[in-house]
């Protein structure tokens, strides 16, 4: 039996901690642009891991996802899994909300007082 994170990653995983929000080959969207990995889905996976008490895995994934930020700390809506370039909207508020939520969950689960400043994300 798969755990939820394993099943999600197996079905929607794009590699390097990235997840697709859907598979265009299974659910064609009619768009002529490629579908990238949707960062918010990866942050939801962090929350799921933390909720299961898998704190080290959640924290490791948050750290991995932070590397997809621009030099100014901004996140795109989607990441191209092949070359890690930005796709979709940039900057994307939903990606930042996911980062804040996941960072707070992962830090709180570890008994660390959550900090919402951007410099705390990269410690």
C-alpha atoms as a PDB file:
ATOM      1  CA  UNK A   1       0.000   0.000   0.000  1.00  0.00           C
ATOM      2  CA  UNK A   2       1.280   3.443  -0.936  1.00  0.00           C
ATOM      3  CA  UNK A   3       1.253   6.376   1.428  1.00  0.00           C
ATOM      4  CA  UNK A   4      -0.446   9.463   0.044  1.00  0.00           C
ATOM      5  CA  UNK A   5       2.856  11.299  -0.664  1.00  0.00           C
ATOM      6  CA  UNK A   6       4.309   8.240  -2.407  1.00  0.00           C
ATOM      7  CA  UNK A   7       1.205   7.767  -4.562  1.00  0.00           C
ATOM      8  CA  UNK A   8       1.096  11.467  -5.451  1.00  0.00           C
ATOM      9  CA  UNK A   9       4.786  11.557  -6.311  1.00  0.00           C
ATOM     10  CA  UNK A  10       4.519   8.361  -8.339  1.00  0.00           C
ATOM     11  CA  UNK A  11       1.599   9.680 -10.393  1.00  0.00           C
ATOM     12  CA  UNK A  12       2.375  13.406 -10.646  1.00  0.00           C
ATOM     13  CA  UNK A  13       6.101  13.604  -9.895  1.00  0.00           C
ATOM     14  CA  UNK A  14       8.267  15.634 -12.257  1.00  0.00           C
ATOM     15  CA  UNK A  15      11.527  14.965 -10.369  1.00  0.00           C
ATOM     16  CA  UNK A  16      13.577  17.118  -7.997  1.00  0.00           C
ATOM     17  CA  UNK A  17      10.642  17.658  -5.619  1.00  0.00           C
ATOM     18  CA  UNK A  18       8.384  19.025  -8.345  1.00  0.00           C
ATOM     19  CA  UNK A  19       4.829  17.899  -9.058  1.00  0.00           C
ATOM     20  CA  UNK A  20       2.491  18.430 -11.976  1.00  0.00           C
ATOM     21  CA  UNK A  21      -0.994  19.613 -11.046  1.00  0.00           C
ATOM     22  CA  UNK A  22      -2.421  17.317 -13.730  1.00  0.00           C
ATOM     23  CA  UNK A  23      -1.124  15.250 -16.622  1.00  0.00           C
ATOM     24  CA  UNK A  24      -1.909  16.975 -19.938  1.00  0.00           C
ATOM     25  CA  UNK A  25      -1.687  13.659 -21.800  1.00  0.00           C
ATOM     26  CA  UNK A  26      -4.526  12.323 -19.608  1.00  0.00           C
ATOM     27  CA  UNK A  27      -6.501  15.580 -19.351  1.00  0.00           C
ATOM     28  CA  UNK A  28      -5.744  17.760 -22.385  1.00  0.00           C
ATOM     29  CA  UNK A  29      -6.139  21.436 -21.546  1.00  0.00           C
ATOM     30  CA  UNK A  30      -6.143  22.746 -25.118  1.00  0.00           C
ATOM     31  CA  UNK A  31      -3.258  25.120 -24.452  1.00  0.00           C
ATOM     32  CA  UNK A  32      -0.420  25.324 -26.927  1.00  0.00           C
ATOM     33  CA  UNK A  33       2.202  25.852 -24.209  1.00  0.00           C
ATOM     34  CA  UNK A  34       3.886  23.064 -22.268  1.00  0.00           C
ATOM     35  CA  UNK A  35       2.639  22.315 -18.773  1.00  0.00           C
ATOM     36  CA  UNK A  36       5.300  22.772 -16.138  1.00  0.00           C
ATOM     37  CA  UNK A  37       5.454  21.508 -12.591  1.00  0.00           C
ATOM     38  CA  UNK A  38       3.096  23.594 -10.440  1.00  0.00           C
ATOM     39  CA  UNK A  39       5.003  24.794  -7.376  1.00  0.00           C
ATOM     40  CA  UNK A  40       1.952  25.074  -5.144  1.00  0.00           C
ATOM     41  CA  UNK A  41       1.384  21.314  -5.511  1.00  0.00           C
ATOM     42  CA  UNK A  42       4.886  20.656  -4.189  1.00  0.00           C
ATOM     43  CA  UNK A  43       4.218  22.895  -1.181  1.00  0.00           C
ATOM     44  CA  UNK A  44       0.982  20.997  -0.533  1.00  0.00           C
ATOM     45  CA  UNK A  45       3.076  17.835  -0.498  1.00  0.00           C
ATOM     46  CA  UNK A  46       5.296  19.449   2.168  1.00  0.00           C
ATOM     47  CA  UNK A  47       2.206  20.131   4.277  1.00  0.00           C
ATOM     48  CA  UNK A  48       1.062  16.545   3.824  1.00  0.00           C
ATOM     49  CA  UNK A  49       4.442  15.166   4.917  1.00  0.00           C
ATOM     50  CA  UNK A  50       4.532  17.459   7.948  1.00  0.00           C
ATOM     51  CA  UNK A  51       0.989  16.473   8.878  1.00  0.00           C
ATOM     52  CA  UNK A  52       2.080  12.829   8.890  1.00  0.00           C
ATOM     53  CA  UNK A  53       4.936  13.675  11.233  1.00  0.00           C
ATOM     54  CA  UNK A  54       7.536  13.197   8.489  1.00  0.00           C
ATOM     55  CA  UNK A  55       9.176  16.462   9.475  1.00  0.00           C
ATOM     56  CA  UNK A  56      12.660  15.802   8.130  1.00  0.00           C
ATOM     57  CA  UNK A  57      11.253  14.946   4.701  1.00  0.00           C
ATOM     58  CA  UNK A  58       9.008  18.026   4.778  1.00  0.00           C
ATOM     59  CA  UNK A  59      11.889  20.320   5.733  1.00  0.00           C
ATOM     60  CA  UNK A  60      14.143  18.782   3.090  1.00  0.00           C
ATOM     61  CA  UNK A  61      11.508  19.361   0.417  1.00  0.00           C
ATOM     62  CA  UNK A  62      10.963  22.997   1.491  1.00  0.00           C
ATOM     63  CA  UNK A  63      14.699  23.564   1.232  1.00  0.00           C
ATOM     64  CA  UNK A  64      14.797  21.963  -2.207  1.00  0.00           C
ATOM     65  CA  UNK A  65      11.871  24.075  -3.415  1.00  0.00           C
ATOM     66  CA  UNK A  66      13.521  27.301  -2.198  1.00  0.00           C
ATOM     67  CA  UNK A  67      16.307  26.722  -4.713  1.00  0.00           C
ATOM     68  CA  UNK A  68      13.769  27.376  -7.485  1.00  0.00           C
ATOM     69  CA  UNK A  69      13.446  31.009  -6.388  1.00  0.00           C
ATOM     70  CA  UNK A  70      14.914  33.810  -8.462  1.00  0.00           C
ATOM     71  CA  UNK A  71      17.931  35.751  -7.126  1.00  0.00           C
ATOM     72  CA  UNK A  72      15.401  38.126  -5.531  1.00  0.00           C
ATOM     73  CA  UNK A  73      13.603  35.255  -3.780  1.00  0.00           C
ATOM     74  CA  UNK A  74      10.602  35.293  -6.120  1.00  0.00           C
ATOM     75  CA  UNK A  75       8.839  32.142  -7.284  1.00  0.00           C
ATOM     76  CA  UNK A  76       7.132  31.383 -10.560  1.00  0.00           C
ATOM     77  CA  UNK A  77       3.816  29.622 -11.009  1.00  0.00           C
ATOM     78  CA  UNK A  78       5.476  26.671 -12.743  1.00  0.00           C
ATOM     79  CA  UNK A  79       8.951  25.267 -13.234  1.00  0.00           C
ATOM     80  CA  UNK A  80      10.070  23.420 -16.355  1.00  0.00           C
ATOM     81  CA  UNK A  81      11.336  20.104 -14.928  1.00  0.00           C
ATOM     82  CA  UNK A  82      13.855  19.699 -17.767  1.00  0.00           C
ATOM     83  CA  UNK A  83      15.848  22.895 -17.295  1.00  0.00           C
ATOM     84  CA  UNK A  84      14.238  24.505 -14.187  1.00  0.00           C
ATOM     85  CA  UNK A  85      13.252  27.631 -16.121  1.00  0.00           C
ATOM     86  CA  UNK A  86      10.194  29.589 -15.057  1.00  0.00           C
ATOM     87  CA  UNK A  87       6.859  28.984 -16.790  1.00  0.00           C
ATOM     88  CA  UNK A  88       3.496  30.617 -16.286  1.00  0.00           C
ATOM     89  CA  UNK A  89       3.026  33.702 -14.161  1.00  0.00           C
ATOM     90  CA  UNK A  90       6.021  35.313 -12.518  1.00  0.00           C
ATOM     91  CA  UNK A  91       6.038  36.171  -9.727  1.00  0.00           C
ATOM     92  CA  UNK A  92       3.137  34.007  -8.611  1.00  0.00           C
ATOM     93  CA  UNK A  93       1.390  34.801  -5.346  1.00  0.00           C
ATOM     94  CA  UNK A  94       0.060  31.240  -4.928  1.00  0.00           C
ATOM     95  CA  UNK A  95       3.594  29.852  -4.950  1.00  0.00           C
ATOM     96  CA  UNK A  96       4.610  32.329  -2.257  1.00  0.00           C
ATOM     97  CA  UNK A  97       1.555  31.513  -0.142  1.00  0.00           C
ATOM     98  CA  UNK A  98       2.496  27.834  -0.422  1.00  0.00           C
ATOM     99  CA  UNK A  99       6.047  28.591   0.663  1.00  0.00           C
ATOM    100  CA  UNK A 100       4.877  30.562   3.691  1.00  0.00           C
ATOM    101  CA  UNK A 101       2.367  27.923   4.690  1.00  0.00           C
ATOM    102  CA  UNK A 102       4.802  25.036   4.271  1.00  0.00           C
ATOM    103  CA  UNK A 103       7.620  26.840   6.038  1.00  0.00           C
ATOM    104  CA  UNK A 104       5.415  27.653   9.002  1.00  0.00           C
ATOM    105  CA  UNK A 105       4.102  24.076   9.221  1.00  0.00           C
ATOM    106  CA  UNK A 106       7.540  22.478   8.926  1.00  0.00           C
ATOM    107  CA  UNK A 107       9.110  24.849  11.480  1.00  0.00           C
ATOM    108  CA  UNK A 108       6.232  24.602  13.942  1.00  0.00           C
ATOM    109  CA  UNK A 109       6.263  20.805  13.783  1.00  0.00           C
ATOM    110  CA  UNK A 110       9.953  20.897  14.721  1.00  0.00           C
ATOM    111  CA  UNK A 111       9.185  23.058  17.759  1.00  0.00           C
ATOM    112  CA  UNK A 112      10.737  26.144  16.157  1.00  0.00           C
ATOM    113  CA  UNK A 113       8.853  29.403  16.416  1.00  0.00           C
ATOM    114  CA  UNK A 114       7.770  30.242  12.864  1.00  0.00           C
ATOM    115  CA  UNK A 115       9.326  33.322  11.326  1.00  0.00           C
ATOM    116  CA  UNK A 116       7.657  34.930   8.362  1.00  0.00           C
ATOM    117  CA  UNK A 117      10.546  37.091   7.160  1.00  0.00           C
ATOM    118  CA  UNK A 118      12.045  36.097   3.822  1.00  0.00           C
ATOM    119  CA  UNK A 119      15.590  35.789   5.186  1.00  0.00           C
ATOM    120  CA  UNK A 120      14.338  33.043   7.540  1.00  0.00           C
ATOM    121  CA  UNK A 121      13.360  30.902   4.552  1.00  0.00           C
ATOM    122  CA  UNK A 122      16.968  30.411   3.549  1.00  0.00           C
ATOM    123  CA  UNK A 123      18.432  29.467   6.938  1.00  0.00           C
END
